[in-house]
Protein backbone atom coordinates (compact mmCIF):
# COMPACT_ATOMS: atom_id res chain seq x y z
CA MET A 1 -0.09 0.17 -0.09
CA THR A 2 1.58 3.34 -1.38
CA SER A 3 1.74 6.34 0.81
CA GLU A 4 -0.64 8.16 -1.51
CA LEU A 5 -2.94 5.43 -0.37
CA LEU A 6 -2.86 5.85 3.34
CA VAL A 7 -3.35 9.36 3.08
CA THR A 8 -6.37 9.08 0.83
CA GLY A 9 -8.16 6.22 3.23
CA PHE A 10 -7.25 8.28 5.85
CA LEU A 11 -9.41 11.07 4.71
CA ARG A 12 -11.89 8.78 3.74
CA TYR A 13 -12.17 7.71 7.22
CA VAL A 14 -12.22 10.77 8.60
CA VAL A 15 -14.86 12.03 5.84
CA PHE A 16 -17.24 8.94 7.24
CA LEU A 17 -16.39 9.26 10.68
CA PHE A 18 -17.70 12.91 10.59
CA SER A 19 -20.79 12.47 8.26
CA THR A 20 -21.79 9.28 10.52
CA THR A 21 -21.63 11.44 13.54
CA CYS A 22 -24.03 14.47 11.66
CA HIS A 23 -26.45 11.50 10.67
CA GLU A 24 -26.85 10.02 14.10
CA ALA A 25 -26.42 13.54 15.47
CA ALA A 26 -29.17 14.52 13.39
CA HIS A 27 -31.22 11.24 14.58
CA ALA A 28 -30.82 12.18 18.32
CA TRP A 29 -31.73 16.00 17.75
CA VAL A 30 -34.65 15.53 15.93
CA ALA A 31 -35.95 12.82 18.47
CA HIS A 32 -35.31 14.80 21.26
CA ARG A 33 -37.51 17.92 20.14
CA GLY A 34 -40.04 15.17 19.21
CA GLY A 35 -40.28 14.30 22.86
CA ASP A 36 -37.91 10.83 23.04
CA SER A 37 -34.87 12.20 25.09
CA THR A 38 -33.26 8.71 25.33
CA ALA A 39 -30.42 9.50 22.54
CA TYR A 40 -30.42 13.03 24.10
CA GLU A 41 -29.55 11.58 27.54
CA GLY A 42 -26.81 9.09 25.95
CA GLY A 43 -24.92 12.86 24.74
CA GLN A 44 -25.59 11.91 21.01
CA VAL A 45 -26.67 15.45 20.22
CA SER A 46 -23.01 16.09 19.30
CA LEU A 47 -20.38 16.42 16.76
CA SER A 48 -18.00 14.99 18.83
CA PRO A 49 -17.43 11.93 17.35
CA TRP A 50 -16.84 10.01 20.95
CA PRO A 51 -20.33 9.30 22.05
CA HIS A 52 -20.89 7.42 18.71
CA ILE A 53 -17.84 5.63 18.87
CA ARG A 54 -17.84 4.44 22.24
CA ARG A 55 -21.76 3.31 21.19
CA GLU A 56 -20.60 1.44 18.65
CA PRO A 57 -16.92 1.20 18.42
CA PHE A 58 -17.20 -1.95 15.87
CA GLY A 59 -19.25 -0.32 13.79
CA MET A 60 -17.47 3.47 14.07
CA VAL A 61 -13.89 2.10 14.14
CA VAL A 62 -12.56 -1.29 13.70
CA LEU A 63 -14.72 -2.51 10.99
CA PRO A 64 -13.82 0.74 9.01
CA LEU A 65 -10.58 0.63 9.10
CA LEU A 66 -10.12 -3.08 8.49
CA SER A 67 -12.05 -2.66 5.34
CA LEU A 68 -10.09 0.13 4.15
CA LEU A 69 -7.08 -2.08 5.19
CA LEU A 70 -7.78 -4.97 3.02
CA GLY A 71 -8.49 -2.42 0.27
CA GLY A 72 -12.06 -2.93 -0.38
CA GLY A 73 -15.04 -0.71 0.14
CA MET A 74 -15.37 1.20 3.71
CA VAL A 75 -17.85 -0.57 5.57
CA GLY A 76 -19.42 0.37 8.75
CA TRP A 77 -22.35 1.95 10.69
CA ALA A 78 -23.46 3.87 14.26
CA SER A 79 -27.08 3.91 15.54
CA ALA A 80 -28.94 6.41 17.61
CA PRO A 81 -31.29 4.72 20.23
CA TYR A 82 -34.80 5.93 20.63
CA ASN A 83 -38.17 4.54 22.74
CA PRO A 84 -40.23 1.98 21.03
CA VAL A 85 -43.67 3.26 23.44
CA TRP A 86 -42.44 6.46 21.97
CA GLN A 87 -42.15 5.30 18.46
CA ARG A 88 -45.85 3.63 18.38
CA ASN A 89 -47.43 6.83 19.76
CA PHE A 90 -46.37 9.62 17.52
CA PRO A 91 -45.70 7.48 14.69
CA LYS A 92 -45.13 10.94 12.42
CA ARG A 93 -42.46 12.30 14.89
CA ALA A 94 -40.43 9.04 14.35
CA ALA A 95 -40.37 8.83 10.82
CA LEU A 96 -39.08 12.59 10.91
CA MET A 97 -36.49 11.25 13.41
CA ALA A 98 -35.80 8.46 10.71
CA LEU A 99 -36.08 11.09 8.02
CA ALA A 100 -33.41 13.42 9.52
CA GLY A 101 -29.84 11.30 9.29
CA PRO A 102 -30.11 11.12 5.19
CA LEU A 103 -31.28 14.88 5.58
CA ALA A 104 -28.11 15.77 7.42
CA ASN A 105 -26.13 13.53 4.48
CA PHE A 106 -27.82 15.60 1.97
CA THR A 107 -27.27 19.10 3.45
CA LEU A 108 -23.35 17.53 3.80
CA VAL A 109 -23.45 16.84 -0.37
CA ILE A 110 -25.45 20.07 -1.27
CA LEU A 111 -22.02 22.02 0.72
CA SER A 112 -19.54 20.43 -0.58
CA GLY A 113 -21.15 20.50 -3.79
CA VAL A 114 -21.60 24.33 -3.73
CA ALA A 115 -17.82 24.75 -2.33
CA LEU A 116 -16.85 22.53 -5.46
CA ARG A 117 -18.73 24.52 -7.60
CA ILE A 118 -17.24 27.83 -6.69
CA GLY A 119 -14.13 26.53 -6.77
CA GLY A 120 -14.23 25.56 -10.00
CA THR A 121 -15.75 28.15 -11.70
CA THR A 122 -13.47 30.71 -9.93
CA GLY A 123 -10.23 29.13 -10.70
CA PHE A 124 -9.42 28.53 -6.92
CA PHE A 125 -8.25 24.93 -7.93
CA SER A 126 -6.21 24.98 -10.70
CA GLY A 127 -3.43 26.14 -8.66
CA ASP A 128 -0.29 24.02 -8.23
CA SER A 129 -0.52 24.06 -3.96
CA GLU A 130 -0.93 21.55 -2.25
CA VAL A 131 -3.02 22.09 0.35
CA ILE A 132 -5.59 23.79 -2.20
CA HIS A 133 -5.57 20.02 -4.16
CA GLY A 134 -5.68 18.64 -0.68
CA VAL A 135 -9.34 20.83 0.07
CA GLU A 136 -10.43 19.85 -3.54
CA VAL A 137 -9.86 16.15 -2.60
CA ILE A 138 -11.74 16.20 0.52
CA LEU A 139 -14.87 17.68 -0.17
CA GLY A 140 -15.16 15.60 -3.49
CA ILE A 141 -15.04 12.69 -0.71
CA PHE A 142 -17.74 14.56 1.14
CA PHE A 143 -19.70 14.60 -1.73
CA GLN A 144 -19.71 11.13 -3.22
CA LEU A 145 -19.52 9.51 -0.17
CA ASN A 146 -22.45 11.42 1.78
CA VAL A 147 -24.47 11.29 -1.82
CA LEU A 148 -23.79 7.32 -0.83
CA LEU A 149 -25.01 7.56 2.40
CA GLY A 150 -28.16 9.25 2.19
CA ILE A 151 -29.26 6.99 -0.72
CA PHE A 152 -28.50 3.79 1.07
CA ASN A 153 -30.17 4.73 4.35
CA LEU A 154 -33.25 5.59 2.34
CA LEU A 155 -33.51 1.88 1.25
CA PRO A 156 -37.58 1.46 2.57
CA PHE A 157 -36.80 -1.97 4.31
CA PRO A 158 -34.85 -2.63 7.17
CA PRO A 159 -32.63 -2.09 9.18
CA PHE A 160 -32.23 1.14 6.85
CA ASP A 161 -33.72 4.33 7.78
CA GLY A 162 -36.03 4.36 4.67
CA PHE A 163 -38.31 1.50 6.63
CA GLY A 164 -38.33 4.04 9.45
CA VAL A 165 -39.49 6.81 7.44
CA LEU A 166 -42.91 4.82 6.36
CA GLY A 167 -44.55 5.90 9.55
CA PHE A 168 -45.45 8.42 7.93
CA PHE A 169 -47.68 6.88 5.95
CA THR A 170 -48.61 3.67 8.64
CA GLY A 171 -49.57 3.82 12.60
CA GLY A 172 -46.55 3.58 14.69
CA GLY A 173 -47.70 0.04 16.25
CA ARG A 174 -48.20 -1.40 12.49
CA LEU A 175 -44.76 -0.27 11.97
CA GLU A 176 -43.43 -1.77 15.00
CA SER A 177 -44.96 -4.93 14.42
CA MET A 178 -43.72 -5.52 10.85
CA ARG A 179 -39.93 -4.27 12.47
CA MET A 180 -40.83 -6.91 15.26
CA GLN A 181 -42.22 -9.89 12.40
CA ILE A 182 -39.15 -9.09 9.83
CA ARG A 183 -35.92 -7.93 12.48
CA GLN A 184 -34.83 -11.83 12.26
CA TYR A 185 -34.33 -10.92 8.30
CA SER A 186 -32.25 -7.76 9.17
CA MET A 187 -29.41 -9.37 7.62
CA ILE A 188 -30.97 -10.63 4.49
CA GLY A 189 -31.95 -6.57 3.65
CA LEU A 190 -28.59 -5.43 4.34
CA ILE A 191 -27.18 -8.14 1.86
CA LEU A 192 -29.81 -7.03 -0.26
CA GLY A 193 -29.02 -3.27 0.10
CA TRP A 194 -25.53 -3.42 -0.74
CA GLN A 195 -26.92 -5.51 -4.60
CA LEU A 196 -29.12 -2.86 -4.94
CA ILE A 197 -26.72 0.46 -3.97
CA ARG A 198 -24.71 -1.12 -6.83
CA TYR A 199 -27.45 -0.28 -9.65
CA ILE A 200 -28.71 2.81 -7.70
CA TYR A 201 -25.66 4.95 -6.23
CA PRO A 202 -23.71 5.27 -9.61
CA PRO A 203 -26.82 7.28 -11.77
CA VAL A 204 -28.23 8.99 -8.54
CA LEU A 205 -24.37 10.17 -8.41
CA ASP A 206 -23.82 11.12 -11.48
CA PHE A 207 -27.30 13.61 -11.30
CA VAL A 208 -26.67 15.37 -8.17
CA ALA A 209 -23.28 15.66 -9.80
CA LYS A 210 -24.65 17.67 -13.07
CA VAL A 211 -27.08 19.64 -10.95
CA LEU A 212 -24.62 20.37 -7.98
CA LEU A 213 -21.37 20.43 -10.15
CA GLY A 214 -22.91 21.03 -13.65
CA SER A 215 -20.78 18.00 -14.72
CA ALA A 216 -21.03 14.22 -14.36
């Protein structure tokens, strides 16, 4: 593994860590605002990665770094706890909580995309400075990774947030009943999600790049 690959891998991990922290903090903040302080009391309404690492050390540290070292795509996860009674009583609020995570990722997509567009059109990225090139690389990683995280988490079946978003259209009790019935198949859902995202991500990334960056 070359030094360049190590640096790129390190940057990808830092972006993953920050993006995932924003995702879970958004879940926790919206739940707290909606009346469920479970994640808030666990310290997860925070942009510090530590509360999220402490809750999911394997998904936030071990597996992402291991997958990078093995040369594959980076794999990892995090989670924000919630009160299932609150979810059943307030399905719309719980659905908003579920939606908040992907919306945080899409916010990062917009911010990084706008920065890339401005940097490109003004010629800021055309210089030979390694610092400027590094900024462009980091923004590109933010853009691509958060498109992936946003759409991946919106898949409408467990264990993804998209399943929780269905609370907008069905009662909390019914959604929780469905969740309990198919919880045993969550691993199948995860595998299916990894297969589907291979086909969904490229055209979505291409579309978002054309809209925000003006190019594929």
